Amino acid sequence: MFEFKLPDVGEGIHEAEILQWLVKEGDTVTLDQPILEIQTDKAVVEIPAPVAGKIVEIRAAPGDIARVGDVLVVIAPAEGATPRPAAPETAQAAPAPP
């Protein structure tokens, strides 16, 4: 089982409100499929699945305040699936064109 924790979304944000889940327990998800929306002090952010698999347990309800590192959802990885390492959102920016 893979426990997905609230990632560091950058800009010194340490917590976020769970706005809505885009999946439910029992759903099958693909890598990078949006699974939930959170709201920080600065923005609404869509969080993608870090691994393909089946949603086993959702541990945070809409309206909950989660801190970076809190487990939000448990995913049973699909056979052969490898979780993508968590990275700050700022590190995911595309490089500037030459």
N, C-alpha and C. Protein backbone atom coordinates (compact mmCIF):
# COMPACT_ATOMS: atom_id res chain seq x y z
N MET A 1 0.85 -1.19 0.00
CA MET A 1 0.00 0.00 0.00
C MET A 1 0.89 1.25 0.00
N PHE A 2 0.42 2.26 -0.68
CA PHE A 2 1.15 3.52 -0.76
C PHE A 2 0.33 4.59 -0.04
N GLU A 3 0.92 5.18 0.99
CA GLU A 3 0.27 6.26 1.72
C GLU A 3 0.70 7.58 1.10
N PHE A 4 -0.25 8.28 0.47
CA PHE A 4 0.05 9.55 -0.17
C PHE A 4 -0.14 10.67 0.83
N LYS A 5 0.93 11.45 1.03
CA LYS A 5 0.91 12.54 2.00
C LYS A 5 0.78 13.88 1.29
N LEU A 6 0.20 14.85 1.98
CA LEU A 6 0.09 16.19 1.42
C LEU A 6 1.49 16.67 1.07
N PRO A 7 1.73 16.95 -0.22
CA PRO A 7 3.07 17.40 -0.62
C PRO A 7 3.30 18.86 -0.28
N ASP A 8 4.56 19.25 -0.28
CA ASP A 8 4.93 20.64 -0.11
C ASP A 8 4.57 21.35 -1.41
N VAL A 9 3.61 22.26 -1.36
CA VAL A 9 3.18 22.96 -2.57
C VAL A 9 3.94 24.26 -2.79
N GLY A 10 4.97 24.49 -2.00
CA GLY A 10 5.84 25.63 -2.19
C GLY A 10 5.37 26.89 -1.50
N GLU A 11 6.14 27.96 -1.68
CA GLU A 11 5.84 29.30 -1.16
C GLU A 11 5.64 29.33 0.35
N GLY A 12 6.28 28.43 1.08
CA GLY A 12 6.19 28.44 2.54
C GLY A 12 4.86 28.00 3.10
N ILE A 13 4.03 27.36 2.27
CA ILE A 13 2.72 26.89 2.72
C ILE A 13 2.91 25.60 3.52
N HIS A 14 2.33 25.55 4.72
CA HIS A 14 2.48 24.39 5.59
C HIS A 14 1.20 23.60 5.79
N GLU A 15 0.07 24.15 5.33
CA GLU A 15 -1.20 23.45 5.47
C GLU A 15 -2.14 23.88 4.37
N ALA A 16 -3.18 23.07 4.17
CA ALA A 16 -4.17 23.38 3.13
C ALA A 16 -5.50 22.78 3.53
N GLU A 17 -6.57 23.37 3.03
CA GLU A 17 -7.92 22.84 3.26
C GLU A 17 -8.28 21.89 2.13
N ILE A 18 -8.84 20.74 2.48
CA ILE A 18 -9.33 19.81 1.47
C ILE A 18 -10.64 20.39 0.93
N LEU A 19 -10.66 20.72 -0.36
CA LEU A 19 -11.89 21.27 -0.96
C LEU A 19 -12.81 20.16 -1.42
N GLN A 20 -12.28 19.27 -2.28
CA GLN A 20 -13.11 18.17 -2.77
C GLN A 20 -12.23 17.06 -3.32
N TRP A 21 -12.75 15.85 -3.18
CA TRP A 21 -12.13 14.68 -3.79
C TRP A 21 -12.72 14.49 -5.17
N LEU A 22 -11.88 14.19 -6.13
CA LEU A 22 -12.32 13.95 -7.50
C LEU A 22 -12.45 12.45 -7.77
N VAL A 23 -12.13 11.65 -6.74
CA VAL A 23 -12.24 10.18 -6.80
C VAL A 23 -12.91 9.71 -5.52
N LYS A 24 -13.27 8.43 -5.49
CA LYS A 24 -13.84 7.84 -4.26
C LYS A 24 -13.16 6.50 -4.01
N GLU A 25 -13.34 5.99 -2.79
CA GLU A 25 -12.76 4.70 -2.45
C GLU A 25 -13.25 3.65 -3.43
N GLY A 26 -12.32 2.82 -3.91
CA GLY A 26 -12.66 1.78 -4.88
C GLY A 26 -12.36 2.18 -6.31
N ASP A 27 -12.18 3.48 -6.57
CA ASP A 27 -11.86 3.95 -7.92
C ASP A 27 -10.44 3.53 -8.31
N THR A 28 -10.24 3.31 -9.60
CA THR A 28 -8.92 3.06 -10.15
C THR A 28 -8.43 4.36 -10.76
N VAL A 29 -7.17 4.72 -10.47
CA VAL A 29 -6.61 5.97 -10.97
C VAL A 29 -5.35 5.69 -11.78
N THR A 30 -5.03 6.62 -12.67
CA THR A 30 -3.80 6.54 -13.45
C THR A 30 -2.79 7.54 -12.90
N LEU A 31 -1.53 7.33 -13.21
CA LEU A 31 -0.47 8.24 -12.79
C LEU A 31 -0.80 9.65 -13.28
N ASP A 32 -0.70 10.61 -12.40
CA ASP A 32 -0.94 12.03 -12.70
C ASP A 32 -2.41 12.40 -12.92
N GLN A 33 -3.33 11.47 -12.71
CA GLN A 33 -4.76 11.80 -12.79
C GLN A 33 -5.11 12.69 -11.60
N PRO A 34 -5.81 13.82 -11.81
CA PRO A 34 -6.21 14.65 -10.67
C PRO A 34 -7.10 13.85 -9.71
N ILE A 35 -6.74 13.88 -8.41
CA ILE A 35 -7.53 13.11 -7.44
C ILE A 35 -8.21 13.99 -6.39
N LEU A 36 -7.68 15.19 -6.14
CA LEU A 36 -8.33 16.09 -5.19
C LEU A 36 -7.93 17.52 -5.43
N GLU A 37 -8.73 18.42 -4.86
CA GLU A 37 -8.43 19.85 -4.89
C GLU A 37 -8.24 20.33 -3.46
N ILE A 38 -7.18 21.13 -3.29
CA ILE A 38 -6.92 21.74 -1.99
C ILE A 38 -6.88 23.25 -2.16
N GLN A 39 -7.07 23.95 -1.05
CA GLN A 39 -6.96 25.41 -1.07
C GLN A 39 -5.94 25.82 -0.03
N THR A 40 -4.95 26.60 -0.48
CA THR A 40 -3.97 27.17 0.43
C THR A 40 -4.34 28.63 0.65
N ASP A 41 -3.50 29.34 1.39
CA ASP A 41 -3.72 30.77 1.59
C ASP A 41 -3.66 31.53 0.27
N LYS A 42 -2.99 30.94 -0.73
CA LYS A 42 -2.73 31.67 -1.97
C LYS A 42 -3.49 31.17 -3.19
N ALA A 43 -3.89 29.90 -3.22
CA ALA A 43 -4.48 29.37 -4.46
C ALA A 43 -5.22 28.06 -4.22
N VAL A 44 -6.06 27.71 -5.20
CA VAL A 44 -6.66 26.38 -5.26
C VAL A 44 -5.74 25.53 -6.13
N VAL A 45 -5.36 24.36 -5.61
CA VAL A 45 -4.39 23.51 -6.30
C VAL A 45 -5.00 22.13 -6.53
N GLU A 46 -4.86 21.62 -7.74
CA GLU A 46 -5.31 20.26 -8.07
C GLU A 46 -4.12 19.33 -7.83
N ILE A 47 -4.36 18.26 -7.07
CA ILE A 47 -3.29 17.31 -6.73
C ILE A 47 -3.45 16.05 -7.57
N PRO A 48 -2.38 15.65 -8.29
CA PRO A 48 -2.45 14.44 -9.13
C PRO A 48 -2.06 13.19 -8.35
N ALA A 49 -2.51 12.05 -8.84
CA ALA A 49 -2.13 10.76 -8.26
C ALA A 49 -0.64 10.52 -8.49
N PRO A 50 0.09 10.15 -7.45
CA PRO A 50 1.53 9.91 -7.60
C PRO A 50 1.84 8.50 -8.13
N VAL A 51 0.80 7.67 -8.25
CA VAL A 51 0.98 6.29 -8.69
C VAL A 51 -0.35 5.81 -9.28
N ALA A 52 -0.27 4.91 -10.25
CA ALA A 52 -1.48 4.28 -10.78
C ALA A 52 -1.90 3.19 -9.81
N GLY A 53 -3.20 3.02 -9.62
CA GLY A 53 -3.67 1.98 -8.72
C GLY A 53 -5.11 2.20 -8.31
N LYS A 54 -5.47 1.58 -7.17
CA LYS A 54 -6.84 1.63 -6.67
C LYS A 54 -6.88 2.40 -5.36
N ILE A 55 -7.86 3.31 -5.26
CA ILE A 55 -8.04 4.08 -4.03
C ILE A 55 -8.61 3.14 -2.96
N VAL A 56 -7.84 2.93 -1.90
CA VAL A 56 -8.25 2.01 -0.84
C VAL A 56 -8.95 2.75 0.30
N GLU A 57 -8.36 3.89 0.71
CA GLU A 57 -8.93 4.61 1.86
C GLU A 57 -8.64 6.10 1.72
N ILE A 58 -9.68 6.91 1.86
CA ILE A 58 -9.53 8.36 1.89
C ILE A 58 -9.53 8.77 3.36
N ARG A 59 -8.47 9.45 3.79
CA ARG A 59 -8.31 9.77 5.21
C ARG A 59 -8.57 11.23 5.56
N ALA A 60 -8.90 12.06 4.59
CA ALA A 60 -9.20 13.47 4.87
C ALA A 60 -10.49 13.84 4.16
N ALA A 61 -11.37 14.49 4.88
CA ALA A 61 -12.68 14.85 4.33
C ALA A 61 -12.67 16.30 3.86
N PRO A 62 -13.56 16.64 2.92
CA PRO A 62 -13.69 18.04 2.52
C PRO A 62 -13.93 18.91 3.76
N GLY A 63 -13.20 20.03 3.81
CA GLY A 63 -13.29 20.92 4.96
C GLY A 63 -12.19 20.70 5.97
N ASP A 64 -11.54 19.53 5.93
CA ASP A 64 -10.43 19.26 6.84
C ASP A 64 -9.23 20.14 6.49
N ILE A 65 -8.46 20.50 7.50
CA ILE A 65 -7.19 21.20 7.28
C ILE A 65 -6.09 20.16 7.45
N ALA A 66 -5.31 19.97 6.39
CA ALA A 66 -4.22 18.99 6.41
C ALA A 66 -2.89 19.74 6.41
N ARG A 67 -1.93 19.20 7.14
CA ARG A 67 -0.59 19.77 7.16
C ARG A 67 0.30 18.99 6.19
N VAL A 68 1.33 19.65 5.67
CA VAL A 68 2.28 18.97 4.79
C VAL A 68 2.80 17.74 5.52
N GLY A 69 2.73 16.58 4.86
CA GLY A 69 3.17 15.32 5.45
C GLY A 69 2.04 14.48 6.01
N ASP A 70 0.83 15.04 6.17
CA ASP A 70 -0.32 14.25 6.62
C ASP A 70 -0.74 13.28 5.53
N VAL A 71 -1.09 12.05 5.92
CA VAL A 71 -1.57 11.06 4.94
C VAL A 71 -2.98 11.44 4.53
N LEU A 72 -3.19 11.60 3.22
CA LEU A 72 -4.50 11.98 2.68
C LEU A 72 -5.27 10.79 2.15
N VAL A 73 -4.55 9.85 1.52
CA VAL A 73 -5.21 8.73 0.86
C VAL A 73 -4.24 7.55 0.79
N VAL A 74 -4.82 6.34 0.83
CA VAL A 74 -4.03 5.11 0.67
C VAL A 74 -4.38 4.53 -0.69
N ILE A 75 -3.35 4.23 -1.48
CA ILE A 75 -3.53 3.69 -2.83
C ILE A 75 -2.83 2.34 -2.92
N ALA A 76 -3.54 1.34 -3.46
CA ALA A 76 -2.93 0.05 -3.75
C ALA A 76 -2.35 0.18 -5.16
N PRO A 77 -1.01 0.25 -5.29
CA PRO A 77 -0.42 0.45 -6.61
C PRO A 77 -0.77 -0.67 -7.58
N ALA A 78 -0.98 -0.30 -8.84
CA ALA A 78 -1.21 -1.28 -9.89
C ALA A 78 0.06 -2.12 -10.04
N GLU A 79 -0.09 -3.34 -10.52
CA GLU A 79 1.06 -4.22 -10.69
C GLU A 79 2.11 -3.53 -11.56
N GLY A 80 3.33 -3.47 -11.05
CA GLY A 80 4.43 -2.86 -11.78
C GLY A 80 4.50 -1.35 -11.66
N ALA A 81 3.54 -0.73 -10.99
CA ALA A 81 3.55 0.74 -10.86
C ALA A 81 4.53 1.16 -9.77
N THR A 82 5.25 2.22 -10.04
CA THR A 82 6.20 2.78 -9.08
C THR A 82 5.75 4.19 -8.74
N PRO A 83 5.58 4.48 -7.44
CA PRO A 83 5.17 5.85 -7.07
C PRO A 83 6.18 6.89 -7.53
N ARG A 84 5.67 8.00 -8.00
CA ARG A 84 6.51 9.12 -8.40
C ARG A 84 6.98 9.81 -7.13
N PRO A 85 8.25 10.15 -7.03
CA PRO A 85 8.72 10.84 -5.82
C PRO A 85 8.07 12.20 -5.69
N ALA A 86 7.76 12.58 -4.46
CA ALA A 86 7.16 13.89 -4.22
C ALA A 86 8.21 14.96 -4.48
N ALA A 87 7.78 16.06 -5.06
CA ALA A 87 8.69 17.18 -5.33
C ALA A 87 7.92 18.47 -5.14
N PRO A 88 8.59 19.50 -4.65
CA PRO A 88 7.90 20.78 -4.52
C PRO A 88 7.40 21.25 -5.88
N GLU A 89 6.26 21.91 -5.88
CA GLU A 89 5.66 22.37 -7.13
C GLU A 89 6.62 23.27 -7.90
N THR A 90 7.43 24.04 -7.19
CA THR A 90 8.36 24.94 -7.87
C THR A 90 9.38 24.16 -8.68
N ALA A 91 9.69 22.94 -8.28
CA ALA A 91 10.66 22.12 -9.01
C ALA A 91 10.04 21.49 -10.25
N GLN A 92 8.73 21.56 -10.39
CA GLN A 92 8.05 20.94 -11.51
C GLN A 92 7.84 21.91 -12.67
N ALA A 93 8.33 23.13 -12.54
CA ALA A 93 8.13 24.12 -13.60
C ALA A 93 8.91 23.70 -14.84
N ALA A 94 8.33 23.95 -15.99
CA ALA A 94 8.99 23.60 -17.25
C ALA A 94 10.16 24.54 -17.49
N PRO A 95 11.23 24.03 -18.08
CA PRO A 95 12.38 24.91 -18.36
C PRO A 95 12.01 25.94 -19.43
N ALA A 96 12.67 27.07 -19.38
CA ALA A 96 12.41 28.13 -20.35
C ALA A 96 12.90 27.69 -21.73
N PRO A 97 12.17 28.04 -22.78
CA PRO A 97 12.62 27.68 -24.13
C PRO A 97 13.92 28.39 -24.47
N PRO A 98 14.76 27.78 -25.31
CA PRO A 98 16.07 28.40 -25.65
C PRO A 98 15.91 29.66 -26.47
